N, C-alpha and C. Protein backbone atom coordinates (compact mmCIF):
# COMPACT_ATOMS: atom_id res chain seq x y z
N MET A 1 148.31 184.68 -21.92
CA MET A 1 149.61 184.23 -21.47
C MET A 1 150.57 185.41 -21.35
N GLU A 2 151.63 185.22 -20.63
CA GLU A 2 152.59 186.29 -20.36
C GLU A 2 153.57 186.51 -21.50
N ASN A 3 153.99 185.47 -22.17
CA ASN A 3 154.98 185.56 -23.24
C ASN A 3 154.28 186.06 -24.50
N LYS A 4 154.73 187.20 -25.02
CA LYS A 4 154.06 187.75 -26.22
C LYS A 4 154.47 187.04 -27.50
N TYR A 5 155.46 186.13 -27.41
CA TYR A 5 155.90 185.38 -28.56
C TYR A 5 155.28 183.99 -28.52
N PRO A 6 154.46 183.65 -29.52
CA PRO A 6 153.71 182.38 -29.47
C PRO A 6 154.55 181.17 -29.84
N VAL A 7 153.97 180.03 -29.58
CA VAL A 7 154.47 178.76 -30.11
C VAL A 7 153.67 178.50 -31.37
N TYR A 8 154.35 178.06 -32.43
CA TYR A 8 153.69 177.84 -33.71
C TYR A 8 153.81 176.39 -34.15
N THR A 9 152.71 175.88 -34.65
CA THR A 9 152.71 174.57 -35.30
C THR A 9 151.75 174.66 -36.48
N ALA A 10 151.72 173.64 -37.30
CA ALA A 10 150.86 173.68 -38.48
C ALA A 10 150.55 172.28 -38.97
N GLY A 11 149.50 172.20 -39.78
CA GLY A 11 149.14 170.92 -40.37
C GLY A 11 147.94 171.06 -41.28
N SER A 12 147.60 169.95 -41.91
CA SER A 12 146.43 169.91 -42.80
C SER A 12 145.15 169.67 -42.00
N PHE A 13 145.21 168.73 -41.07
CA PHE A 13 144.08 168.38 -40.22
C PHE A 13 142.84 168.05 -41.04
N ASP A 14 143.04 167.24 -42.10
CA ASP A 14 141.93 166.97 -43.02
C ASP A 14 140.86 166.11 -42.37
N ILE A 15 141.18 164.93 -41.97
CA ILE A 15 140.22 164.09 -41.24
C ILE A 15 140.75 164.02 -39.82
N LEU A 16 140.17 164.82 -38.95
CA LEU A 16 140.68 164.93 -37.58
C LEU A 16 140.64 163.57 -36.89
N HIS A 17 141.77 163.19 -36.28
CA HIS A 17 141.87 161.89 -35.61
C HIS A 17 142.68 162.02 -34.33
N ILE A 18 142.81 160.94 -33.59
CA ILE A 18 143.48 160.96 -32.29
C ILE A 18 144.93 161.41 -32.39
N GLY A 19 145.60 161.13 -33.48
CA GLY A 19 146.98 161.60 -33.66
C GLY A 19 147.05 163.12 -33.65
N HIS A 20 146.09 163.77 -34.33
CA HIS A 20 146.04 165.23 -34.32
C HIS A 20 145.81 165.75 -32.90
N ILE A 21 144.86 165.15 -32.21
CA ILE A 21 144.53 165.60 -30.86
C ILE A 21 145.73 165.46 -29.93
N ARG A 22 146.40 164.32 -29.97
CA ARG A 22 147.58 164.11 -29.12
C ARG A 22 148.70 165.09 -29.47
N PHE A 23 148.89 165.34 -30.75
CA PHE A 23 149.91 166.28 -31.20
C PHE A 23 149.61 167.69 -30.68
N LEU A 24 148.38 168.15 -30.88
CA LEU A 24 148.01 169.50 -30.44
C LEU A 24 148.02 169.62 -28.92
N LYS A 25 147.64 168.55 -28.22
CA LYS A 25 147.70 168.56 -26.76
C LYS A 25 149.14 168.74 -26.28
N LYS A 26 150.07 168.01 -26.88
CA LYS A 26 151.48 168.12 -26.51
C LYS A 26 152.01 169.52 -26.85
N CYS A 27 151.62 170.05 -28.00
CA CYS A 27 152.03 171.41 -28.37
C CYS A 27 151.54 172.42 -27.34
N LYS A 28 150.30 172.27 -26.91
CA LYS A 28 149.74 173.20 -25.91
C LYS A 28 150.47 173.06 -24.58
N GLN A 29 150.79 171.84 -24.17
CA GLN A 29 151.54 171.65 -22.93
C GLN A 29 152.88 172.37 -22.99
N ILE A 30 153.56 172.26 -24.13
CA ILE A 30 154.84 172.94 -24.30
C ILE A 30 154.64 174.45 -24.27
N ALA A 31 153.63 174.95 -24.97
CA ALA A 31 153.34 176.38 -24.98
C ALA A 31 153.07 176.90 -23.57
N GLU A 32 152.25 176.18 -22.83
CA GLU A 32 151.94 176.61 -21.46
C GLU A 32 153.18 176.59 -20.57
N SER A 33 154.09 175.67 -20.82
CA SER A 33 155.29 175.58 -19.98
C SER A 33 156.18 176.80 -20.13
N ILE A 34 156.05 177.52 -21.26
CA ILE A 34 156.81 178.76 -21.44
C ILE A 34 155.88 179.98 -21.47
N LYS A 35 154.68 179.77 -20.94
CA LYS A 35 153.68 180.84 -20.82
C LYS A 35 153.38 181.53 -22.15
N SER A 36 153.19 180.72 -23.18
CA SER A 36 152.89 181.23 -24.52
C SER A 36 151.56 180.69 -25.02
N ASP A 37 151.00 181.39 -25.98
CA ASP A 37 149.83 180.89 -26.69
C ASP A 37 150.28 179.93 -27.78
N LEU A 38 149.37 179.05 -28.18
CA LEU A 38 149.63 178.16 -29.29
C LEU A 38 148.87 178.66 -30.51
N ILE A 39 149.62 178.96 -31.56
CA ILE A 39 149.03 179.34 -32.85
C ILE A 39 149.21 178.17 -33.80
N VAL A 40 148.12 177.77 -34.45
CA VAL A 40 148.14 176.64 -35.37
C VAL A 40 147.87 177.13 -36.79
N GLY A 41 148.80 176.84 -37.67
CA GLY A 41 148.60 177.12 -39.09
C GLY A 41 147.83 175.97 -39.70
N VAL A 42 146.70 176.28 -40.32
CA VAL A 42 145.89 175.27 -41.00
C VAL A 42 146.10 175.44 -42.50
N SER A 43 146.56 174.37 -43.14
CA SER A 43 146.89 174.42 -44.56
C SER A 43 145.65 174.70 -45.41
N THR A 44 145.83 175.57 -46.40
CA THR A 44 144.75 175.85 -47.33
C THR A 44 144.52 174.65 -48.23
N ASP A 45 143.37 174.62 -48.89
CA ASP A 45 143.07 173.55 -49.83
C ASP A 45 144.12 173.48 -50.93
N LYS A 46 144.50 174.65 -51.48
CA LYS A 46 145.49 174.69 -52.57
C LYS A 46 146.85 174.16 -52.10
N LEU A 47 147.24 174.47 -50.88
CA LEU A 47 148.51 173.97 -50.37
C LEU A 47 148.48 172.45 -50.24
N ILE A 48 147.38 171.91 -49.74
CA ILE A 48 147.26 170.46 -49.61
C ILE A 48 147.33 169.80 -50.99
N LYS A 49 146.63 170.36 -51.95
CA LYS A 49 146.68 169.83 -53.31
C LYS A 49 148.10 169.87 -53.86
N LYS A 50 148.82 170.94 -53.55
CA LYS A 50 150.19 171.12 -54.05
C LYS A 50 151.14 170.06 -53.48
N TYR A 51 151.08 169.81 -52.17
CA TYR A 51 152.09 168.90 -51.62
C TYR A 51 151.60 167.47 -51.38
N LYS A 52 150.29 167.25 -51.34
CA LYS A 52 149.80 165.87 -51.19
C LYS A 52 149.25 165.33 -52.50
N LYS A 53 149.18 166.18 -53.51
CA LYS A 53 148.70 165.80 -54.85
C LYS A 53 147.24 165.33 -54.86
N THR A 54 146.49 165.76 -53.86
CA THR A 54 145.06 165.44 -53.79
C THR A 54 144.36 166.53 -53.00
N TRP A 55 143.11 166.78 -53.35
CA TRP A 55 142.34 167.78 -52.62
C TRP A 55 141.94 167.22 -51.25
N PRO A 56 141.82 168.07 -50.25
CA PRO A 56 141.37 167.58 -48.94
C PRO A 56 139.91 167.14 -48.99
N ILE A 57 139.54 166.25 -48.09
CA ILE A 57 138.15 165.82 -47.98
C ILE A 57 137.29 166.97 -47.45
N MET A 58 137.81 167.64 -46.44
CA MET A 58 137.08 168.75 -45.81
C MET A 58 137.67 170.08 -46.27
N PRO A 59 136.84 171.04 -46.66
CA PRO A 59 137.37 172.33 -47.11
C PRO A 59 138.01 173.11 -45.96
N TYR A 60 138.89 174.03 -46.34
CA TYR A 60 139.66 174.81 -45.38
C TYR A 60 138.79 175.41 -44.28
N LYS A 61 137.72 176.10 -44.65
CA LYS A 61 136.90 176.79 -43.63
C LYS A 61 136.38 175.83 -42.57
N GLN A 62 135.99 174.64 -42.96
CA GLN A 62 135.52 173.66 -41.98
C GLN A 62 136.66 173.16 -41.10
N ARG A 63 137.80 172.86 -41.72
CA ARG A 63 138.96 172.39 -40.93
C ARG A 63 139.42 173.47 -39.96
N ALA A 64 139.45 174.72 -40.41
CA ALA A 64 139.87 175.83 -39.56
C ALA A 64 138.92 175.99 -38.37
N GLU A 65 137.63 175.89 -38.63
CA GLU A 65 136.65 176.03 -37.54
C GLU A 65 136.78 174.90 -36.52
N ILE A 66 137.00 173.69 -37.01
CA ILE A 66 137.17 172.55 -36.12
C ILE A 66 138.42 172.73 -35.25
N ILE A 67 139.53 173.08 -35.87
CA ILE A 67 140.78 173.24 -35.11
C ILE A 67 140.64 174.38 -34.10
N MET A 68 140.02 175.48 -34.50
CA MET A 68 139.86 176.61 -33.57
C MET A 68 138.98 176.23 -32.39
N SER A 69 138.09 175.27 -32.56
CA SER A 69 137.19 174.89 -31.47
C SER A 69 137.87 174.02 -30.40
N LEU A 70 139.06 173.53 -30.70
CA LEU A 70 139.74 172.65 -29.75
C LEU A 70 140.33 173.44 -28.59
N LYS A 71 140.21 172.90 -27.39
CA LYS A 71 140.68 173.62 -26.20
C LYS A 71 142.19 173.81 -26.17
N TYR A 72 142.93 173.06 -26.96
CA TYR A 72 144.38 173.18 -26.97
C TYR A 72 144.88 174.32 -27.85
N VAL A 73 144.01 174.89 -28.66
CA VAL A 73 144.40 175.87 -29.66
C VAL A 73 143.95 177.27 -29.24
N ASP A 74 144.89 178.22 -29.23
CA ASP A 74 144.55 179.60 -28.87
C ASP A 74 144.16 180.43 -30.09
N HIS A 75 144.85 180.22 -31.19
CA HIS A 75 144.59 180.98 -32.42
C HIS A 75 144.94 180.10 -33.61
N ILE A 76 144.32 180.41 -34.74
CA ILE A 76 144.70 179.74 -35.99
C ILE A 76 145.08 180.80 -37.02
N VAL A 77 145.89 180.38 -37.97
CA VAL A 77 146.21 181.23 -39.12
C VAL A 77 146.14 180.36 -40.37
N GLU A 78 145.91 181.01 -41.48
CA GLU A 78 145.88 180.32 -42.77
C GLU A 78 147.31 180.04 -43.20
N GLN A 79 147.62 178.79 -43.48
CA GLN A 79 148.95 178.42 -43.94
C GLN A 79 148.90 178.19 -45.45
N LYS A 80 149.51 179.13 -46.19
CA LYS A 80 149.49 179.06 -47.65
C LYS A 80 150.73 178.37 -48.21
N GLU A 81 151.79 178.28 -47.42
CA GLU A 81 153.02 177.56 -47.77
C GLU A 81 153.42 176.75 -46.55
N LEU A 82 154.11 175.65 -46.75
CA LEU A 82 154.55 174.83 -45.62
C LEU A 82 155.57 175.60 -44.78
N ILE A 83 155.21 175.90 -43.55
CA ILE A 83 156.04 176.69 -42.64
C ILE A 83 156.59 177.92 -43.39
N ASP A 84 155.68 178.82 -43.69
CA ASP A 84 155.93 180.01 -44.51
C ASP A 84 156.82 181.02 -43.78
N ILE A 85 157.93 181.36 -44.38
CA ILE A 85 158.87 182.30 -43.77
C ILE A 85 158.22 183.66 -43.53
N LYS A 86 157.43 184.15 -44.50
CA LYS A 86 156.75 185.45 -44.31
C LYS A 86 155.84 185.41 -43.09
N LEU A 87 155.14 184.31 -42.93
CA LEU A 87 154.24 184.16 -41.79
C LEU A 87 155.04 184.10 -40.48
N LEU A 88 156.15 183.39 -40.49
CA LEU A 88 156.99 183.31 -39.29
C LEU A 88 157.53 184.69 -38.91
N LYS A 89 157.93 185.47 -39.90
CA LYS A 89 158.42 186.82 -39.62
C LYS A 89 157.33 187.67 -38.97
N LYS A 90 156.10 187.48 -39.42
CA LYS A 90 154.97 188.23 -38.87
C LYS A 90 154.62 187.77 -37.45
N LEU A 91 154.58 186.46 -37.23
CA LEU A 91 154.18 185.91 -35.93
C LEU A 91 155.26 186.02 -34.86
N LYS A 92 156.52 186.00 -35.28
CA LYS A 92 157.66 186.03 -34.35
C LYS A 92 157.54 184.96 -33.26
N PRO A 93 157.46 183.69 -33.66
CA PRO A 93 157.28 182.64 -32.65
C PRO A 93 158.54 182.47 -31.78
N SER A 94 158.30 182.09 -30.53
CA SER A 94 159.42 181.78 -29.64
C SER A 94 159.89 180.35 -29.87
N LEU A 95 159.04 179.55 -30.52
CA LEU A 95 159.31 178.13 -30.70
C LEU A 95 158.41 177.61 -31.82
N ILE A 96 158.92 176.66 -32.60
CA ILE A 96 158.14 175.99 -33.63
C ILE A 96 158.11 174.51 -33.28
N ILE A 97 156.94 173.92 -33.37
CA ILE A 97 156.79 172.48 -33.14
C ILE A 97 156.27 171.87 -34.43
N THR A 98 156.93 170.81 -34.88
CA THR A 98 156.53 170.18 -36.13
C THR A 98 156.85 168.69 -36.07
N VAL A 99 156.74 168.03 -37.19
CA VAL A 99 157.07 166.60 -37.29
C VAL A 99 158.39 166.46 -38.04
N SER A 100 159.08 165.35 -37.80
CA SER A 100 160.44 165.20 -38.30
C SER A 100 160.56 165.21 -39.82
N ASP A 101 159.51 164.83 -40.54
CA ASP A 101 159.65 164.82 -42.00
C ASP A 101 159.55 166.22 -42.61
N TRP A 102 159.40 167.24 -41.78
CA TRP A 102 159.38 168.61 -42.27
C TRP A 102 160.72 169.31 -41.99
N LYS A 103 161.74 168.57 -41.57
CA LYS A 103 163.04 169.14 -41.20
C LYS A 103 163.68 169.96 -42.31
N ASN A 104 163.49 169.55 -43.55
CA ASN A 104 164.19 170.21 -44.66
C ASN A 104 163.40 171.32 -45.33
N LEU A 105 162.28 171.70 -44.76
CA LEU A 105 161.51 172.80 -45.34
C LEU A 105 162.27 174.11 -45.18
N PRO A 106 162.20 174.99 -46.17
CA PRO A 106 162.89 176.28 -46.07
C PRO A 106 162.54 177.06 -44.79
N GLY A 107 161.27 177.03 -44.38
CA GLY A 107 160.86 177.76 -43.18
C GLY A 107 161.52 177.23 -41.91
N ILE A 108 161.70 175.92 -41.84
CA ILE A 108 162.37 175.31 -40.68
C ILE A 108 163.85 175.69 -40.69
N LYS A 109 164.47 175.61 -41.86
CA LYS A 109 165.88 176.00 -41.96
C LYS A 109 166.06 177.48 -41.60
N TRP A 110 165.13 178.33 -42.06
CA TRP A 110 165.18 179.75 -41.74
C TRP A 110 165.05 179.96 -40.24
N ALA A 111 164.13 179.25 -39.61
CA ALA A 111 163.94 179.38 -38.16
C ALA A 111 165.22 179.03 -37.40
N ILE A 112 165.84 177.93 -37.78
CA ILE A 112 167.06 177.50 -37.10
C ILE A 112 168.18 178.53 -37.29
N ILE A 113 168.34 179.03 -38.51
CA ILE A 113 169.35 180.07 -38.77
C ILE A 113 169.08 181.31 -37.92
N ASN A 114 167.80 181.61 -37.69
CA ASN A 114 167.41 182.79 -36.94
C ASN A 114 167.20 182.51 -35.46
N CYS A 115 167.76 181.41 -34.99
CA CYS A 115 167.78 181.05 -33.56
C CYS A 115 166.39 180.85 -32.96
N ILE A 116 165.45 180.39 -33.77
CA ILE A 116 164.13 180.01 -33.25
C ILE A 116 164.18 178.51 -33.04
N PRO A 117 164.05 178.06 -31.80
CA PRO A 117 164.11 176.62 -31.55
C PRO A 117 163.00 175.86 -32.27
N VAL A 118 163.32 174.66 -32.69
CA VAL A 118 162.35 173.78 -33.36
C VAL A 118 162.32 172.46 -32.60
N ILE A 119 161.13 172.04 -32.23
CA ILE A 119 160.93 170.75 -31.57
C ILE A 119 160.21 169.84 -32.56
N TYR A 120 160.73 168.61 -32.71
CA TYR A 120 160.12 167.63 -33.61
C TYR A 120 159.40 166.58 -32.77
N LEU A 121 158.11 166.46 -33.00
CA LEU A 121 157.32 165.45 -32.30
C LEU A 121 157.05 164.28 -33.25
N PRO A 122 156.96 163.08 -32.71
CA PRO A 122 156.69 161.92 -33.57
C PRO A 122 155.21 161.86 -33.96
N TYR A 123 154.97 161.18 -35.06
CA TYR A 123 153.60 160.86 -35.45
C TYR A 123 153.04 159.82 -34.49
N THR A 124 151.72 159.77 -34.38
CA THR A 124 151.08 158.68 -33.65
C THR A 124 151.07 157.47 -34.57
N LYS A 125 151.68 156.39 -34.12
CA LYS A 125 151.80 155.19 -34.96
C LYS A 125 150.42 154.63 -35.30
N GLY A 126 150.29 154.20 -36.56
CA GLY A 126 149.11 153.49 -37.01
C GLY A 126 147.91 154.34 -37.38
N ILE A 127 148.06 155.67 -37.35
CA ILE A 127 146.91 156.50 -37.70
C ILE A 127 147.37 157.73 -38.48
N SER A 128 146.66 158.03 -39.55
CA SER A 128 146.90 159.24 -40.34
C SER A 128 145.65 159.50 -41.17
N SER A 129 145.48 160.74 -41.58
CA SER A 129 144.35 161.05 -42.47
C SER A 129 144.47 160.25 -43.76
N THR A 130 145.69 160.10 -44.26
CA THR A 130 145.90 159.34 -45.49
C THR A 130 145.47 157.88 -45.33
N SER A 131 145.83 157.28 -44.19
CA SER A 131 145.45 155.86 -43.98
C SER A 131 143.93 155.73 -43.81
N ILE A 132 143.31 156.71 -43.20
CA ILE A 132 141.84 156.68 -43.06
C ILE A 132 141.19 156.78 -44.44
N LYS A 133 141.69 157.69 -45.28
CA LYS A 133 141.15 157.83 -46.64
C LYS A 133 141.26 156.53 -47.42
N LYS A 134 142.40 155.86 -47.29
CA LYS A 134 142.60 154.59 -48.02
C LYS A 134 141.63 153.53 -47.55
N ARG A 135 141.37 153.47 -46.25
CA ARG A 135 140.42 152.47 -45.71
C ARG A 135 139.00 152.75 -46.15
N LEU A 136 138.67 154.02 -46.39
CA LEU A 136 137.32 154.39 -46.80
C LEU A 136 137.04 154.08 -48.27
N LYS A 137 138.09 153.87 -49.06
CA LYS A 137 137.89 153.61 -50.49
C LYS A 137 137.44 152.21 -50.77
């Protein structure tokens, strides 16, 4: 792509489902519209345990490989903190795409203060990794 500043998004992507695919597809469409690559932060196992209070079903390396294999994703990075400010400083994104319940994260607030636009996309109704896990029990 022409724009050297990527679009950044992130997630756990524990049990990959249609909501993840639709979200990443929309992120890629936005990235392409500004001639940028899409970089996806994949949460580490420890990070998921920290904020979801449960270990992921699939280990980080498997989730990372799956996400990297998707045609909508240009690059992945390891996400050790939710929207990590240090990582944002390194990546220098032109835009961050996330979900609305992450609005109050320090990294999102930092991005806004530093004039990095943030787009909030809705969840896909009726589907989540958490709901799939509950149905499997």
